[in-house]
N, C-alpha and C. Protein backbone atom coordinates (compact mmCIF):
# COMPACT_ATOMS: atom_id res chain seq x y z
N MET A 1 58.00 154.19 398.05
CA MET A 1 59.18 154.27 398.08
C MET A 1 60.03 153.42 397.73
N LEU A 2 61.38 153.86 397.73
CA LEU A 2 62.44 152.71 397.22
C LEU A 2 62.90 152.19 398.28
N LYS A 3 63.29 150.75 397.87
CA LYS A 3 63.13 149.86 398.67
C LYS A 3 64.88 149.18 398.00
N ASN A 4 65.01 149.57 396.99
CA ASN A 4 66.54 149.15 395.84
C ASN A 4 67.65 150.15 396.15
N ILE A 5 67.82 150.12 397.30
CA ILE A 5 68.58 151.38 397.71
C ILE A 5 69.59 149.99 398.85
N PRO A 6 70.83 149.93 398.65
CA PRO A 6 72.16 149.78 399.64
C PRO A 6 72.19 149.81 400.55
N LYS A 7 72.11 149.14 401.55
CA LYS A 7 72.79 149.46 403.46
C LYS A 7 74.16 149.82 403.30
N VAL A 8 74.11 151.32 403.14
CA VAL A 8 76.09 150.98 403.35
C VAL A 8 76.62 151.19 404.74
N ARG A 9 77.57 150.79 404.96
CA ARG A 9 78.27 149.82 406.05
C ARG A 9 79.96 150.95 405.85
N PRO A 10 80.11 151.54 405.72
CA PRO A 10 80.94 152.29 405.96
C PRO A 10 82.38 151.38 406.52
N ALA A 11 83.65 151.70 406.39
CA ALA A 11 84.88 151.86 407.04
C ALA A 11 85.73 152.10 406.73
N ILE A 12 86.70 152.74 407.87
CA ILE A 12 87.92 153.52 407.25
C ILE A 12 89.06 152.88 408.08
N VAL A 13 90.19 153.06 406.78
CA VAL A 13 91.27 152.14 407.02
C VAL A 13 92.33 153.26 406.70
N ALA A 14 92.98 153.29 407.45
CA ALA A 14 94.69 154.67 407.31
C ALA A 14 95.96 153.08 406.71
N VAL A 15 96.71 154.08 405.55
CA VAL A 15 97.99 153.48 405.52
C VAL A 15 98.54 154.75 405.66
N SER A 16 99.73 153.62 405.86
CA SER A 16 101.19 154.42 406.59
C SER A 16 102.26 154.29 406.41
N ARG A 17 103.61 155.37 405.75
CA ARG A 17 104.79 154.02 405.37
C ARG A 17 105.33 153.90 406.85
N ASP A 18 106.18 152.85 406.62
CA ASP A 18 106.50 152.50 407.81
C ASP A 18 108.10 152.87 408.07
N CYS A 19 108.42 153.77 407.68
CA CYS A 19 109.74 155.70 408.73
C CYS A 19 109.27 156.32 409.19
N PHE A 20 107.43 156.22 409.09
CA PHE A 20 106.63 157.50 410.38
C PHE A 20 106.32 156.78 411.42
N VAL A 21 105.99 156.94 412.41
CA VAL A 21 105.42 156.15 413.78
C VAL A 21 104.11 156.53 413.82
N LYS A 22 103.45 154.33 413.51
CA LYS A 22 101.75 153.99 413.51
C LYS A 22 100.79 155.39 414.16
N SER A 23 101.29 155.57 415.20
CA SER A 23 100.80 156.36 416.15
C SER A 23 100.22 157.89 415.68
N LEU A 24 100.91 158.70 414.04
CA LEU A 24 100.49 159.63 414.10
C LEU A 24 99.24 159.42 412.34
N ALA A 25 99.34 158.46 412.09
CA ALA A 25 98.35 157.68 411.65
C ALA A 25 96.95 157.39 412.15
N GLU A 26 96.60 156.78 413.65
CA GLU A 26 95.82 156.73 414.17
C GLU A 26 95.32 157.72 414.55
N LYS A 27 96.00 158.75 414.92
CA LYS A 27 95.67 159.94 414.56
C LYS A 27 94.57 161.07 414.57
N ARG A 28 95.68 160.75 413.35
CA ARG A 28 94.87 161.62 411.91
C ARG A 28 93.49 160.77 411.98
N ARG A 29 93.69 159.19 411.82
CA ARG A 29 92.40 158.52 411.27
C ARG A 29 90.21 158.91 411.98
N ARG A 30 91.32 158.98 413.53
CA ARG A 30 90.65 159.15 414.55
C ARG A 30 89.68 160.21 414.55
N ALA A 31 90.91 161.09 413.96
CA ALA A 31 90.38 162.67 413.92
C ALA A 31 88.91 162.34 412.38
N VAL A 32 89.60 162.44 411.56
CA VAL A 32 88.99 162.14 410.45
C VAL A 32 87.46 161.56 410.58
N ALA A 33 87.08 160.19 411.30
CA ALA A 33 86.45 159.43 412.22
C ALA A 33 85.91 160.19 412.82
N GLU A 34 85.78 161.19 413.80
CA GLU A 34 84.77 161.52 414.89
C GLU A 34 84.59 162.71 413.86
N ALA A 35 85.54 164.31 413.41
CA ALA A 35 84.36 164.37 412.22
C ALA A 35 83.57 164.21 411.50
N CYS A 36 83.28 162.68 411.00
CA CYS A 36 82.19 162.09 409.99
C CYS A 36 81.30 161.73 411.62
N ARG A 37 81.60 161.19 412.29
CA ARG A 37 79.97 160.62 413.66
C ARG A 37 79.76 162.21 413.73
N ARG A 38 81.02 163.19 414.27
CA ARG A 38 79.55 164.35 414.67
C ARG A 38 78.70 165.51 413.34
N ASN A 39 78.89 164.51 412.49
CA ASN A 39 78.30 165.31 411.14
C ASN A 39 77.08 163.97 410.66
N GLY A 40 77.15 163.20 411.92
CA GLY A 40 76.42 162.21 411.20
C GLY A 40 76.46 160.29 411.02
N THR A 41 77.53 160.47 410.02
CA THR A 41 78.14 159.32 409.65
C THR A 41 78.45 158.75 410.11
N GLU A 42 78.15 157.18 410.15
CA GLU A 42 78.72 156.27 410.92
C GLU A 42 79.65 155.46 410.64
N LEU A 43 80.90 155.10 410.67
CA LEU A 43 81.64 154.64 410.07
C LEU A 43 82.94 153.35 411.59
N TYR A 44 82.99 151.93 410.42
CA TYR A 44 84.14 151.15 411.37
C TYR A 44 85.10 151.61 411.75
N GLU A 45 85.80 152.08 412.26
CA GLU A 45 87.15 152.58 412.61
C GLU A 45 88.22 151.17 412.96
N ALA A 46 89.24 150.76 411.37
CA ALA A 46 89.84 150.02 411.17
C ALA A 46 91.04 150.21 412.68
N GLN A 47 91.47 148.94 413.01
CA GLN A 47 92.39 149.36 413.83
C GLN A 47 93.51 149.08 413.15
N THR A 48 93.58 148.20 412.65
CA THR A 48 95.17 148.03 411.10
C THR A 48 94.99 148.56 410.73
N ILE A 49 96.82 149.29 411.18
CA ILE A 49 96.71 150.41 409.83
C ILE A 49 98.03 149.96 409.47
N VAL A 50 97.53 149.94 407.48
CA VAL A 50 98.51 149.26 406.75
C VAL A 50 99.76 149.87 406.17
N GLU A 51 100.79 149.32 406.39
CA GLU A 51 102.22 149.87 405.84
C GLU A 51 102.33 148.70 405.12
N ASN A 52 101.73 147.87 404.74
CA ASN A 52 102.62 146.58 404.25
C ASN A 52 102.09 145.73 403.14
N GLU A 53 102.00 145.15 402.75
CA GLU A 53 100.53 143.79 402.00
C GLU A 53 100.44 143.39 403.16
N ALA A 54 101.33 142.81 404.11
CA ALA A 54 100.40 141.47 405.04
C ALA A 54 99.06 142.38 405.59
N ASP A 55 99.71 143.24 406.44
CA ASP A 55 98.81 144.24 407.09
C ASP A 55 98.10 144.82 405.91
N MET A 56 97.36 144.74 404.26
CA MET A 56 96.62 145.21 403.67
C MET A 56 95.50 144.00 403.48
N LEU A 57 95.83 142.24 403.98
CA LEU A 57 95.26 141.03 404.04
C LEU A 57 94.25 141.59 405.51
N ARG A 58 95.58 141.65 406.72
CA ARG A 58 94.59 141.59 407.43
C ARG A 58 93.51 143.28 407.68
N ALA A 59 93.42 144.31 407.43
CA ALA A 59 93.43 144.97 407.65
C ALA A 59 91.60 144.77 406.55
N ALA A 60 91.73 144.36 405.33
CA ALA A 60 91.20 143.65 404.67
C ALA A 60 90.08 142.70 405.33
N ASP A 61 90.28 141.79 406.54
CA ASP A 61 89.66 140.96 407.16
C ASP A 61 88.83 141.95 407.84
N GLU A 62 89.80 142.45 408.96
CA GLU A 62 88.92 143.17 410.03
C GLU A 62 87.48 143.74 409.39
N VAL A 63 87.91 144.56 408.43
CA VAL A 63 86.60 145.26 407.72
C VAL A 63 85.35 144.19 407.46
N LYS A 64 85.27 143.65 406.61
CA LYS A 64 85.16 142.31 406.47
C LYS A 64 84.38 141.13 407.24
N ARG A 65 85.10 141.31 408.71
CA ARG A 65 83.98 140.38 409.78
C ARG A 65 83.85 141.59 410.45
N ALA A 66 83.99 142.90 410.15
CA ALA A 66 82.93 144.13 410.97
C ALA A 66 81.78 143.92 410.22
N GLY A 67 81.53 143.47 408.97
CA GLY A 67 80.65 143.39 408.15
C GLY A 67 80.35 145.29 406.74
N CYS A 68 81.47 144.97 406.73
CA CYS A 68 81.43 146.54 406.40
C CYS A 68 81.82 145.90 404.90
N ASN A 69 80.81 147.05 403.95
CA ASN A 69 80.62 146.59 402.53
C ASN A 69 81.10 148.49 401.42
N ALA A 70 81.58 149.32 402.84
CA ALA A 70 82.10 150.24 401.72
C ALA A 70 83.66 150.34 402.91
N LEU A 71 84.57 151.14 401.99
CA LEU A 71 85.50 151.50 402.57
C LEU A 71 86.26 152.85 401.83
N VAL A 72 86.86 153.69 403.55
CA VAL A 72 87.68 155.30 402.89
C VAL A 72 89.17 154.55 403.03
N VAL A 73 90.00 154.87 402.45
CA VAL A 73 90.93 154.23 402.31
C VAL A 73 91.63 155.74 402.72
N PHE A 74 92.33 156.16 404.28
CA PHE A 74 92.50 157.57 404.36
C PHE A 74 94.41 156.97 404.76
N LEU A 75 94.85 158.21 403.87
CA LEU A 75 96.23 158.57 403.78
C LEU A 75 96.52 158.61 404.99
N GLY A 76 96.89 158.37 406.25
CA GLY A 76 97.01 158.47 407.08
C GLY A 76 98.76 159.46 407.85
N ASN A 77 99.96 159.38 406.86
CA ASN A 77 101.02 159.96 406.04
C ASN A 77 101.61 159.49 404.82
N PHE A 78 101.16 159.75 404.05
CA PHE A 78 101.46 159.06 402.67
C PHE A 78 101.68 157.82 402.53
N GLY A 79 101.12 157.02 402.52
CA GLY A 79 101.14 155.21 402.45
C GLY A 79 101.46 154.47 401.52
N PRO A 80 102.24 153.57 401.61
CA PRO A 80 102.63 152.75 400.80
C PRO A 80 101.62 152.48 399.04
N GLU A 81 101.50 152.59 397.72
CA GLU A 81 101.19 152.55 397.06
C GLU A 81 100.50 151.75 396.41
N THR A 82 101.86 150.13 397.09
CA THR A 82 100.50 149.15 396.39
C THR A 82 99.67 148.53 397.21
N PRO A 83 99.84 148.24 398.17
CA PRO A 83 99.47 147.91 399.25
C PRO A 83 97.31 148.96 399.66
N GLU A 84 97.93 150.61 399.86
CA GLU A 84 96.11 151.06 399.53
C GLU A 84 96.07 150.52 398.03
N THR A 85 96.11 150.26 397.13
CA THR A 85 95.61 149.72 395.99
C THR A 85 94.93 148.22 395.98
N GLN A 86 95.99 147.55 396.54
CA GLN A 86 95.37 145.69 396.40
C GLN A 86 93.93 146.35 397.43
N LEU A 87 94.27 146.96 399.03
CA LEU A 87 93.23 147.25 399.34
C LEU A 87 91.97 147.37 399.37
N ALA A 88 92.08 148.36 398.36
CA ALA A 88 90.86 148.50 397.04
C ALA A 88 90.36 148.18 396.27
N GLN A 89 91.92 146.61 395.98
CA GLN A 89 90.83 146.10 395.08
C GLN A 89 90.50 144.72 395.93
N HIS A 90 90.61 144.75 397.26
CA HIS A 90 90.05 144.08 397.97
C HIS A 90 88.59 143.95 398.27
């Protein structure tokens, strides 16, 4: 039996432009998360929607506190490029 396989705890975070309503990104994130769960993939669904750098820091902190060690950055409605890149860095 292999013992050197990490336990992956993924999170999904939606990013959005602030010219769209957040509920659109939330609805789409929820649909992706539900589809993952139906197919047997459990993941933490971050409640923070990333629209700017401050949101990115909150989202990164949220998923770290949840014990996640992998991240899916979901473009809920064409998110801002800088915050999503920074989120992937964190």
